[in-house]
Amino acid sequence: GLFLVSAALDKLNGTMDVSSNPGDGMNFLIRIPLTVI
């Protein structure tokens, strides 16, 4: 799952920031740049 998400973000020039607090969950922040054609 996350392997595929990461590959898709690479193709879209996107990024994912991940933070974790063991015992209290994780946070995923995904950014995908917009392109105006």
PDB file of all heavy atoms in Angstrom:
ATOM      1  N   GLY A   1       0.793  -1.229   0.000  1.00  0.00           N
ATOM      2  CA  GLY A   1       0.000   0.000   0.000  1.00  0.00           C
ATOM      3  C   GLY A   1       0.821   1.272   0.000  1.00  0.00           C
ATOM      4  O   GLY A   1       0.695   2.107  -0.902  1.00  0.00           O
ATOM      5  N   LEU A   2       1.658   1.465   1.011  1.00  0.00           N
ATOM      6  CA  LEU A   2       2.450   2.701   1.075  1.00  0.00           C
ATOM      7  C   LEU A   2       3.519   2.746  -0.009  1.00  0.00           C
ATOM      8  O   LEU A   2       3.904   3.825  -0.462  1.00  0.00           O
ATOM      9  CB  LEU A   2       3.070   2.871   2.461  1.00  0.00           C
ATOM     10  CG  LEU A   2       2.068   3.269   3.540  1.00  0.00           C
ATOM     11  CD1 LEU A   2       2.727   3.259   4.912  1.00  0.00           C
ATOM     12  CD2 LEU A   2       1.461   4.629   3.260  1.00  0.00           C
ATOM     13  N   PHE A   3       3.981   1.591  -0.463  1.00  0.00           N
ATOM     14  CA  PHE A   3       4.911   1.543  -1.588  1.00  0.00           C
ATOM     15  C   PHE A   3       4.241   2.143  -2.829  1.00  0.00           C
ATOM     16  O   PHE A   3       4.838   2.956  -3.532  1.00  0.00           O
ATOM     17  CB  PHE A   3       5.348   0.099  -1.857  1.00  0.00           C
ATOM     18  CG  PHE A   3       6.129  -0.068  -3.133  1.00  0.00           C
ATOM     19  CD1 PHE A   3       7.462   0.296  -3.193  1.00  0.00           C
ATOM     20  CD2 PHE A   3       5.518  -0.584  -4.263  1.00  0.00           C
ATOM     21  CE1 PHE A   3       8.187   0.144  -4.371  1.00  0.00           C
ATOM     22  CE2 PHE A   3       6.224  -0.736  -5.440  1.00  0.00           C
ATOM     23  CZ  PHE A   3       7.561  -0.371  -5.502  1.00  0.00           C
ATOM     24  N   LEU A   4       2.981   1.761  -3.095  1.00  0.00           N
ATOM     25  CA  LEU A   4       2.260   2.282  -4.256  1.00  0.00           C
ATOM     26  C   LEU A   4       1.947   3.770  -4.109  1.00  0.00           C
ATOM     27  O   LEU A   4       2.043   4.531  -5.077  1.00  0.00           O
ATOM     28  CB  LEU A   4       0.969   1.497  -4.478  1.00  0.00           C
ATOM     29  CG  LEU A   4       1.156   0.045  -4.924  1.00  0.00           C
ATOM     30  CD1 LEU A   4      -0.189  -0.658  -4.997  1.00  0.00           C
ATOM     31  CD2 LEU A   4       1.879  -0.029  -6.256  1.00  0.00           C
ATOM     32  N   VAL A   5       1.582   4.196  -2.915  1.00  0.00           N
ATOM     33  CA  VAL A   5       1.328   5.618  -2.671  1.00  0.00           C
ATOM     34  C   VAL A   5       2.601   6.418  -2.939  1.00  0.00           C
ATOM     35  O   VAL A   5       2.572   7.453  -3.617  1.00  0.00           O
ATOM     36  CB  VAL A   5       0.826   5.859  -1.230  1.00  0.00           C
ATOM     37  CG1 VAL A   5       0.806   7.341  -0.904  1.00  0.00           C
ATOM     38  CG2 VAL A   5      -0.551   5.244  -1.036  1.00  0.00           C
ATOM     39  N   SER A   6       3.710   5.938  -2.447  1.00  0.00           N
ATOM     40  CA  SER A   6       4.986   6.623  -2.646  1.00  0.00           C
ATOM     41  C   SER A   6       5.350   6.704  -4.125  1.00  0.00           C
ATOM     42  O   SER A   6       5.796   7.744  -4.616  1.00  0.00           O
ATOM     43  CB  SER A   6       6.082   5.895  -1.859  1.00  0.00           C
ATOM     44  OG  SER A   6       7.316   6.530  -2.018  1.00  0.00           O
ATOM     45  N   ALA A   7       5.135   5.616  -4.868  1.00  0.00           N
ATOM     46  CA  ALA A   7       5.439   5.601  -6.302  1.00  0.00           C
ATOM     47  C   ALA A   7       4.546   6.596  -7.051  1.00  0.00           C
ATOM     48  O   ALA A   7       5.016   7.311  -7.946  1.00  0.00           O
ATOM     49  CB  ALA A   7       5.267   4.193  -6.861  1.00  0.00           C
ATOM     50  N   ALA A   8       3.266   6.659  -6.697  1.00  0.00           N
ATOM     51  CA  ALA A   8       2.342   7.605  -7.342  1.00  0.00           C
ATOM     52  C   ALA A   8       2.753   9.043  -7.045  1.00  0.00           C
ATOM     53  O   ALA A   8       2.735   9.899  -7.939  1.00  0.00           O
ATOM     54  CB  ALA A   8       0.916   7.347  -6.875  1.00  0.00           C
ATOM     55  N   LEU A   9       3.132   9.312  -5.809  1.00  0.00           N
ATOM     56  CA  LEU A   9       3.564  10.665  -5.447  1.00  0.00           C
ATOM     57  C   LEU A   9       4.822  11.065  -6.208  1.00  0.00           C
ATOM     58  O   LEU A   9       4.964  12.220  -6.624  1.00  0.00           O
ATOM     59  CB  LEU A   9       3.786  10.781  -3.943  1.00  0.00           C
ATOM     60  CG  LEU A   9       2.525  10.839  -3.101  1.00  0.00           C
ATOM     61  CD1 LEU A   9       2.870  10.762  -1.620  1.00  0.00           C
ATOM     62  CD2 LEU A   9       1.722  12.090  -3.407  1.00  0.00           C
ATOM     63  N   ASP A  10       5.743  10.116  -6.411  1.00  0.00           N
ATOM     64  CA  ASP A  10       6.944  10.410  -7.195  1.00  0.00           C
ATOM     65  C   ASP A  10       6.577  10.851  -8.609  1.00  0.00           C
ATOM     66  O   ASP A  10       7.138  11.806  -9.127  1.00  0.00           O
ATOM     67  CB  ASP A  10       7.862   9.189  -7.263  1.00  0.00           C
ATOM     68  CG  ASP A  10       8.630   8.956  -5.974  1.00  0.00           C
ATOM     69  OD1 ASP A  10       8.673   9.859  -5.116  1.00  0.00           O
ATOM     70  OD2 ASP A  10       9.193   7.853  -5.830  1.00  0.00           O
ATOM     71  N   LYS A  11       5.621  10.150  -9.228  1.00  0.00           N
ATOM     72  CA  LYS A  11       5.217  10.499 -10.591  1.00  0.00           C
ATOM     73  C   LYS A  11       4.526  11.861 -10.656  1.00  0.00           C
ATOM     74  O   LYS A  11       4.576  12.536 -11.680  1.00  0.00           O
ATOM     75  CB  LYS A  11       4.305   9.417 -11.159  1.00  0.00           C
ATOM     76  CG  LYS A  11       5.027   8.121 -11.468  1.00  0.00           C
ATOM     77  CD  LYS A  11       4.103   7.141 -12.143  1.00  0.00           C
ATOM     78  CE  LYS A  11       4.809   5.831 -12.398  1.00  0.00           C
ATOM     79  NZ  LYS A  11       5.675   5.860 -13.554  1.00  0.00           N
ATOM     80  N   LEU A  12       3.884  12.258  -9.575  1.00  0.00           N
ATOM     81  CA  LEU A  12       3.175  13.532  -9.525  1.00  0.00           C
ATOM     82  C   LEU A  12       4.020  14.660  -8.934  1.00  0.00           C
ATOM     83  O   LEU A  12       3.530  15.765  -8.705  1.00  0.00           O
ATOM     84  CB  LEU A  12       1.900  13.384  -8.687  1.00  0.00           C
ATOM     85  CG  LEU A  12       0.846  12.433  -9.241  1.00  0.00           C
ATOM     86  CD1 LEU A  12      -0.224  12.152  -8.192  1.00  0.00           C
ATOM     87  CD2 LEU A  12       0.237  12.994 -10.509  1.00  0.00           C
ATOM     88  N   ASN A  13       5.297  14.388  -8.667  1.00  0.00           N
ATOM     89  CA  ASN A  13       6.198  15.339  -8.005  1.00  0.00           C
ATOM     90  C   ASN A  13       5.652  15.761  -6.651  1.00  0.00           C
ATOM     91  O   ASN A  13       5.834  16.898  -6.213  1.00  0.00           O
ATOM     92  CB  ASN A  13       6.455  16.569  -8.879  1.00  0.00           C
ATOM     93  CG  ASN A  13       7.207  16.222 -10.138  1.00  0.00           C
ATOM     94  OD1 ASN A  13       8.149  15.429 -10.100  1.00  0.00           O
ATOM     95  ND2 ASN A  13       6.788  16.754 -11.254  1.00  0.00           N
ATOM     96  N   GLY A  14       4.968  14.843  -5.997  1.00  0.00           N
ATOM     97  CA  GLY A  14       4.404  15.112  -4.684  1.00  0.00           C
ATOM     98  C   GLY A  14       5.327  14.661  -3.568  1.00  0.00           C
ATOM     99  O   GLY A  14       6.361  14.045  -3.799  1.00  0.00           O
ATOM    100  N   THR A  15       4.926  14.987  -2.353  1.00  0.00           N
ATOM    101  CA  THR A  15       5.695  14.604  -1.175  1.00  0.00           C
ATOM    102  C   THR A  15       4.755  14.078  -0.101  1.00  0.00           C
ATOM    103  O   THR A  15       3.558  14.351  -0.118  1.00  0.00           O
ATOM    104  CB  THR A  15       6.473  15.798  -0.590  1.00  0.00           C
ATOM    105  OG1 THR A  15       5.546  16.805  -0.180  1.00  0.00           O
ATOM    106  CG2 THR A  15       7.466  16.371  -1.584  1.00  0.00           C
ATOM    107  N   MET A  16       5.325  13.322   0.825  1.00  0.00           N
ATOM    108  CA  MET A  16       4.574  12.863   1.985  1.00  0.00           C
ATOM    109  C   MET A  16       5.459  13.029   3.212  1.00  0.00           C
ATOM    110  O   MET A  16       6.573  12.518   3.254  1.00  0.00           O
ATOM    111  CB  MET A  16       4.174  11.394   1.846  1.00  0.00           C
ATOM    112  CG  MET A  16       3.344  10.920   3.035  1.00  0.00           C
ATOM    113  SD  MET A  16       2.935   9.141   3.086  1.00  0.00           S
ATOM    114  CE  MET A  16       2.583   8.721   1.422  1.00  0.00           C
ATOM    115  N   ASP A  17       4.961  13.788   4.168  1.00  0.00           N
ATOM    116  CA  ASP A  17       5.635  13.923   5.454  1.00  0.00           C
ATOM    117  C   ASP A  17       4.950  12.977   6.428  1.00  0.00           C
ATOM    118  O   ASP A  17       3.725  12.913   6.485  1.00  0.00           O
ATOM    119  CB  ASP A  17       5.535  15.354   5.984  1.00  0.00           C
ATOM    120  CG  ASP A  17       6.259  16.355   5.096  1.00  0.00           C
ATOM    121  OD1 ASP A  17       7.312  15.995   4.534  1.00  0.00           O
ATOM    122  OD2 ASP A  17       5.772  17.484   4.973  1.00  0.00           O
ATOM    123  N   VAL A  18       5.756  12.244   7.186  1.00  0.00           N
ATOM    124  CA  VAL A  18       5.222  11.260   8.124  1.00  0.00           C
ATOM    125  C   VAL A  18       5.784  11.557   9.507  1.00  0.00           C
ATOM    126  O   VAL A  18       6.981  11.779   9.665  1.00  0.00           O
ATOM    127  CB  VAL A  18       5.626   9.826   7.718  1.00  0.00           C
ATOM    128  CG1 VAL A  18       5.063   8.807   8.688  1.00  0.00           C
ATOM    129  CG2 VAL A  18       5.184   9.529   6.301  1.00  0.00           C
ATOM    130  N   SER A  19       4.899  11.567  10.480  1.00  0.00           N
ATOM    131  CA  SER A  19       5.354  11.675  11.859  1.00  0.00           C
ATOM    132  C   SER A  19       4.673  10.587  12.671  1.00  0.00           C
ATOM    133  O   SER A  19       3.558  10.160  12.356  1.00  0.00           O
ATOM    134  CB  SER A  19       5.066  13.060  12.438  1.00  0.00           C
ATOM    135  OG  SER A  19       3.682  13.318  12.430  1.00  0.00           O
ATOM    136  N   SER A  20       5.369  10.128  13.685  1.00  0.00           N
ATOM    137  CA  SER A  20       4.845   9.044  14.498  1.00  0.00           C
ATOM    138  C   SER A  20       5.117   9.322  15.965  1.00  0.00           C
ATOM    139  O   SER A  20       6.176   9.837  16.326  1.00  0.00           O
ATOM    140  CB  SER A  20       5.509   7.719  14.103  1.00  0.00           C
ATOM    141  OG  SER A  20       5.066   6.673  14.935  1.00  0.00           O
ATOM    142  N   ASN A  21       4.154   8.968  16.755  1.00  0.00           N
ATOM    143  CA  ASN A  21       4.309   9.007  18.202  1.00  0.00           C
ATOM    144  C   ASN A  21       3.984   7.598  18.684  1.00  0.00           C
ATOM    145  O   ASN A  21       2.809   7.262  18.851  1.00  0.00           O
ATOM    146  CB  ASN A  21       3.367  10.042  18.818  1.00  0.00           C
ATOM    147  CG  ASN A  21       3.612  10.224  20.295  1.00  0.00           C
ATOM    148  OD1 ASN A  21       4.605   9.757  20.836  1.00  0.00           O
ATOM    149  ND2 ASN A  21       2.703  10.894  20.966  1.00  0.00           N
ATOM    150  N   PRO A  22       5.013   6.733  18.830  1.00  0.00           N
ATOM    151  CA  PRO A  22       4.750   5.351  19.201  1.00  0.00           C
ATOM    152  C   PRO A  22       3.771   5.246  20.371  1.00  0.00           C
ATOM    153  O   PRO A  22       3.898   5.931  21.376  1.00  0.00           O
ATOM    154  CB  PRO A  22       6.128   4.813  19.558  1.00  0.00           C
ATOM    155  CG  PRO A  22       7.060   5.613  18.691  1.00  0.00           C
ATOM    156  CD  PRO A  22       6.442   6.995  18.689  1.00  0.00           C
ATOM    157  N   GLY A  23       2.749   4.416  20.167  1.00  0.00           N
ATOM    158  CA  GLY A  23       1.704   4.248  21.158  1.00  0.00           C
ATOM    159  C   GLY A  23       0.525   5.181  20.965  1.00  0.00           C
ATOM    160  O   GLY A  23      -0.497   5.053  21.623  1.00  0.00           O
ATOM    161  N   ASP A  24       0.679   6.155  20.035  1.00  0.00           N
ATOM    162  CA  ASP A  24      -0.371   7.168  19.873  1.00  0.00           C
ATOM    163  C   ASP A  24      -0.669   7.474  18.408  1.00  0.00           C
ATOM    164  O   ASP A  24      -1.166   8.543  18.090  1.00  0.00           O
ATOM    165  CB  ASP A  24       0.042   8.439  20.614  1.00  0.00           C
ATOM    166  CG  ASP A  24      -1.119   9.394  20.834  1.00  0.00           C
ATOM    167  OD1 ASP A  24      -2.260   8.932  20.954  1.00  0.00           O
ATOM    168  OD2 ASP A  24      -0.866  10.612  20.867  1.00  0.00           O
ATOM    169  N   GLY A  25      -0.340   6.600  17.480  1.00  0.00           N
ATOM    170  CA  GLY A  25      -0.696   6.780  16.082  1.00  0.00           C
ATOM    171  C   GLY A  25       0.339   7.507  15.248  1.00  0.00           C
ATOM    172  O   GLY A  25       1.439   7.801  15.683  1.00  0.00           O
ATOM    173  N   MET A  26      -0.065   7.781  14.003  1.00  0.00           N
ATOM    174  CA  MET A  26       0.811   8.420  13.031  1.00  0.00           C
ATOM    175  C   MET A  26       0.051   9.507  12.290  1.00  0.00           C
ATOM    176  O   MET A  26      -1.182   9.516  12.271  1.00  0.00           O
ATOM    177  CB  MET A  26       1.352   7.391  12.036  1.00  0.00           C
ATOM    178  CG  MET A  26       2.182   6.309  12.699  1.00  0.00           C
ATOM    179  SD  MET A  26       2.896   5.146  11.541  1.00  0.00           S
ATOM    180  CE  MET A  26       4.209   6.144  10.863  1.00  0.00           C
ATOM    181  N   ASN A  27       0.800  10.402  11.636  1.00  0.00           N
ATOM    182  CA  ASN A  27       0.231  11.465  10.828  1.00  0.00           C
ATOM    183  C   ASN A  27       0.928  11.440   9.472  1.00  0.00           C
ATOM    184  O   ASN A  27       2.155  11.370   9.401  1.00  0.00           O
ATOM    185  CB  ASN A  27       0.428  12.819  11.507  1.00  0.00           C
ATOM    186  CG  ASN A  27      -0.066  13.955  10.650  1.00  0.00           C
ATOM    187  OD1 ASN A  27       0.676  14.494   9.842  1.00  0.00           O
ATOM    188  ND2 ASN A  27      -1.325  14.310  10.816  1.00  0.00           N
ATOM    189  N   PHE A  28       0.134  11.495   8.406  1.00  0.00           N
ATOM    190  CA  PHE A  28       0.645  11.526   7.041  1.00  0.00           C
ATOM    191  C   PHE A  28       0.134  12.809   6.388  1.00  0.00           C
ATOM    192  O   PHE A  28      -1.071  13.035   6.323  1.00  0.00           O
ATOM    193  CB  PHE A  28       0.133  10.328   6.235  1.00  0.00           C
ATOM    194  CG  PHE A  28       0.557   9.003   6.797  1.00  0.00           C
ATOM    195  CD1 PHE A  28      -0.163   8.409   7.817  1.00  0.00           C
ATOM    196  CD2 PHE A  28       1.665   8.350   6.292  1.00  0.00           C
ATOM    197  CE1 PHE A  28       0.213   7.173   8.332  1.00  0.00           C
ATOM    198  CE2 PHE A  28       2.053   7.120   6.802  1.00  0.00           C
ATOM    199  CZ  PHE A  28       1.320   6.537   7.823  1.00  0.00           C
ATOM    200  N   LEU A  29       1.039  13.638   5.902  1.00  0.00           N
ATOM    201  CA  LEU A  29       0.676  14.871   5.209  1.00  0.00           C
ATOM    202  C   LEU A  29       1.151  14.742   3.767  1.00  0.00           C
ATOM    203  O   LEU A  29       2.349  14.656   3.499  1.00  0.00           O
ATOM    204  CB  LEU A  29       1.315  16.092   5.877  1.00  0.00           C
ATOM    205  CG  LEU A  29       1.039  17.433   5.220  1.00  0.00           C
ATOM    206  CD1 LEU A  29      -0.459  17.744   5.203  1.00  0.00           C
ATOM    207  CD2 LEU A  29       1.806  18.540   5.928  1.00  0.00           C
ATOM    208  N   ILE A  30       0.194  14.698   2.843  1.00  0.00           N
ATOM    209  CA  ILE A  30       0.496  14.514   1.424  1.00  0.00           C
ATOM    210  C   ILE A  30       0.327  15.846   0.714  1.00  0.00           C
ATOM    211  O   ILE A  30      -0.674  16.539   0.887  1.00  0.00           O
ATOM    212  CB  ILE A  30      -0.444  13.452   0.814  1.00  0.00           C
ATOM    213  CG1 ILE A  30      -0.180  12.097   1.470  1.00  0.00           C
ATOM    214  CG2 ILE A  30      -0.268  13.377  -0.701  1.00  0.00           C
ATOM    215  CD1 ILE A  30      -1.168  11.026   1.098  1.00  0.00           C
ATOM    216  N   ARG A  31       1.324  16.172  -0.110  1.00  0.00           N
ATOM    217  CA  ARG A  31       1.270  17.395  -0.905  1.00  0.00           C
ATOM    218  C   ARG A  31       1.477  17.036  -2.373  1.00  0.00           C
ATOM    219  O   ARG A  31       2.426  16.330  -2.708  1.00  0.00           O
ATOM    220  CB  ARG A  31       2.359  18.368  -0.471  1.00  0.00           C
ATOM    221  CG  ARG A  31       2.156  18.926   0.912  1.00  0.00           C
ATOM    222  CD  ARG A  31       3.240  19.974   1.219  1.00  0.00           C
ATOM    223  NE  ARG A  31       3.033  20.545   2.513  1.00  0.00           N
ATOM    224  CZ  ARG A  31       3.703  20.180   3.614  1.00  0.00           C
ATOM    225  NH1 ARG A  31       4.617  19.240   3.556  1.00  0.00           N
ATOM    226  NH2 ARG A  31       3.458  20.765   4.766  1.00  0.00           N
ATOM    227  N   ILE A  32       0.569  17.529  -3.219  1.00  0.00           N
ATOM    228  CA  ILE A  32       0.677  17.311  -4.662  1.00  0.00           C
ATOM    229  C   ILE A  32       0.592  18.681  -5.320  1.00  0.00           C
ATOM    230  O   ILE A  32      -0.391  19.400  -5.138  1.00  0.00           O
ATOM    231  CB  ILE A  32      -0.450  16.402  -5.180  1.00  0.00           C
ATOM    232  CG1 ILE A  32      -0.399  15.047  -4.479  1.00  0.00           C
ATOM    233  CG2 ILE A  32      -0.349  16.228  -6.696  1.00  0.00           C
ATOM    234  CD1 ILE A  32      -1.580  14.159  -4.751  1.00  0.00           C
ATOM    235  N   PRO A  33       1.622  19.071  -6.077  1.00  0.00           N
ATOM    236  CA  PRO A  33       1.598  20.394  -6.702  1.00  0.00           C
ATOM    237  C   PRO A  33       0.547  20.466  -7.811  1.00  0.00           C
ATOM    238  O   PRO A  33       0.292  19.487  -8.511  1.00  0.00           O
ATOM    239  CB  PRO A  33       3.009  20.555  -7.271  1.00  0.00           C
ATOM    240  CG  PRO A  33       3.527  19.174  -7.427  1.00  0.00           C
ATOM    241  CD  PRO A  33       2.847  18.340  -6.382  1.00  0.00           C
ATOM    242  N   LEU A  34      -0.075  21.621  -7.922  1.00  0.00           N
ATOM    243  CA  LEU A  34      -1.038  21.865  -8.995  1.00  0.00           C
ATOM    244  C   LEU A  34      -0.303  22.422 -10.210  1.00  0.00           C
ATOM    245  O   LEU A  34       0.628  23.212 -10.090  1.00  0.00           O
ATOM    246  CB  LEU A  34      -2.085  22.877  -8.547  1.00  0.00           C
ATOM    247  CG  LEU A  34      -3.034  22.441  -7.445  1.00  0.00           C
ATOM    248  CD1 LEU A  34      -3.945  23.599  -7.070  1.00  0.00           C
ATOM    249  CD2 LEU A  34      -3.852  21.249  -7.888  1.00  0.00           C
ATOM    250  N   THR A  35      -0.755  22.009 -11.363  1.00  0.00           N
ATOM    251  CA  THR A  35      -0.216  22.527 -12.606  1.00  0.00           C
ATOM    252  C   THR A  35      -1.357  23.104 -13.416  1.00  0.00           C
ATOM    253  O   THR A  35      -2.358  22.417 -13.644  1.00  0.00           O
ATOM    254  CB  THR A  35       0.484  21.420 -13.405  1.00  0.00           C
ATOM    255  OG1 THR A  35       1.520  20.855 -12.613  1.00  0.00           O
ATOM    256  CG2 THR A  35       1.075  21.958 -14.697  1.00  0.00           C
ATOM    257  N   VAL A  36      -1.228  24.344 -13.827  1.00  0.00           N
ATOM    258  CA  VAL A  36      -2.253  24.984 -14.649  1.00  0.00           C
ATOM    259  C   VAL A  36      -1.786  24.925 -16.096  1.00  0.00           C
ATOM    260  O   VAL A  36      -0.688  25.358 -16.427  1.00  0.00           O
ATOM    261  CB  VAL A  36      -2.477  26.452 -14.201  1.00  0.00           C
ATOM    262  CG1 VAL A  36      -3.491  27.135 -15.118  1.00  0.00           C
ATOM    263  CG2 VAL A  36      -2.919  26.490 -12.749  1.00  0.00           C
ATOM    264  N   ILE A  37      -2.637  24.353 -16.935  1.00  0.00           N
ATOM    265  CA  ILE A  37      -2.325  24.250 -18.357  1.00  0.00           C
ATOM    266  C   ILE A  37      -3.249  25.209 -19.093  1.00  0.00           C
ATOM    267  O   ILE A  37      -4.475  25.081 -19.031  1.00  0.00           O
ATOM    268  CB  ILE A  37      -2.517  22.814 -18.862  1.00  0.00           C
ATOM    269  CG1 ILE A  37      -1.599  21.869 -18.092  1.00  0.00           C
ATOM    270  CG2 ILE A  37      -2.257  22.745 -20.370  1.00  0.00           C
ATOM    271  CD1 ILE A  37      -1.845  20.408 -18.381  1.00  0.00           C
TER     272      ILE A  37
END
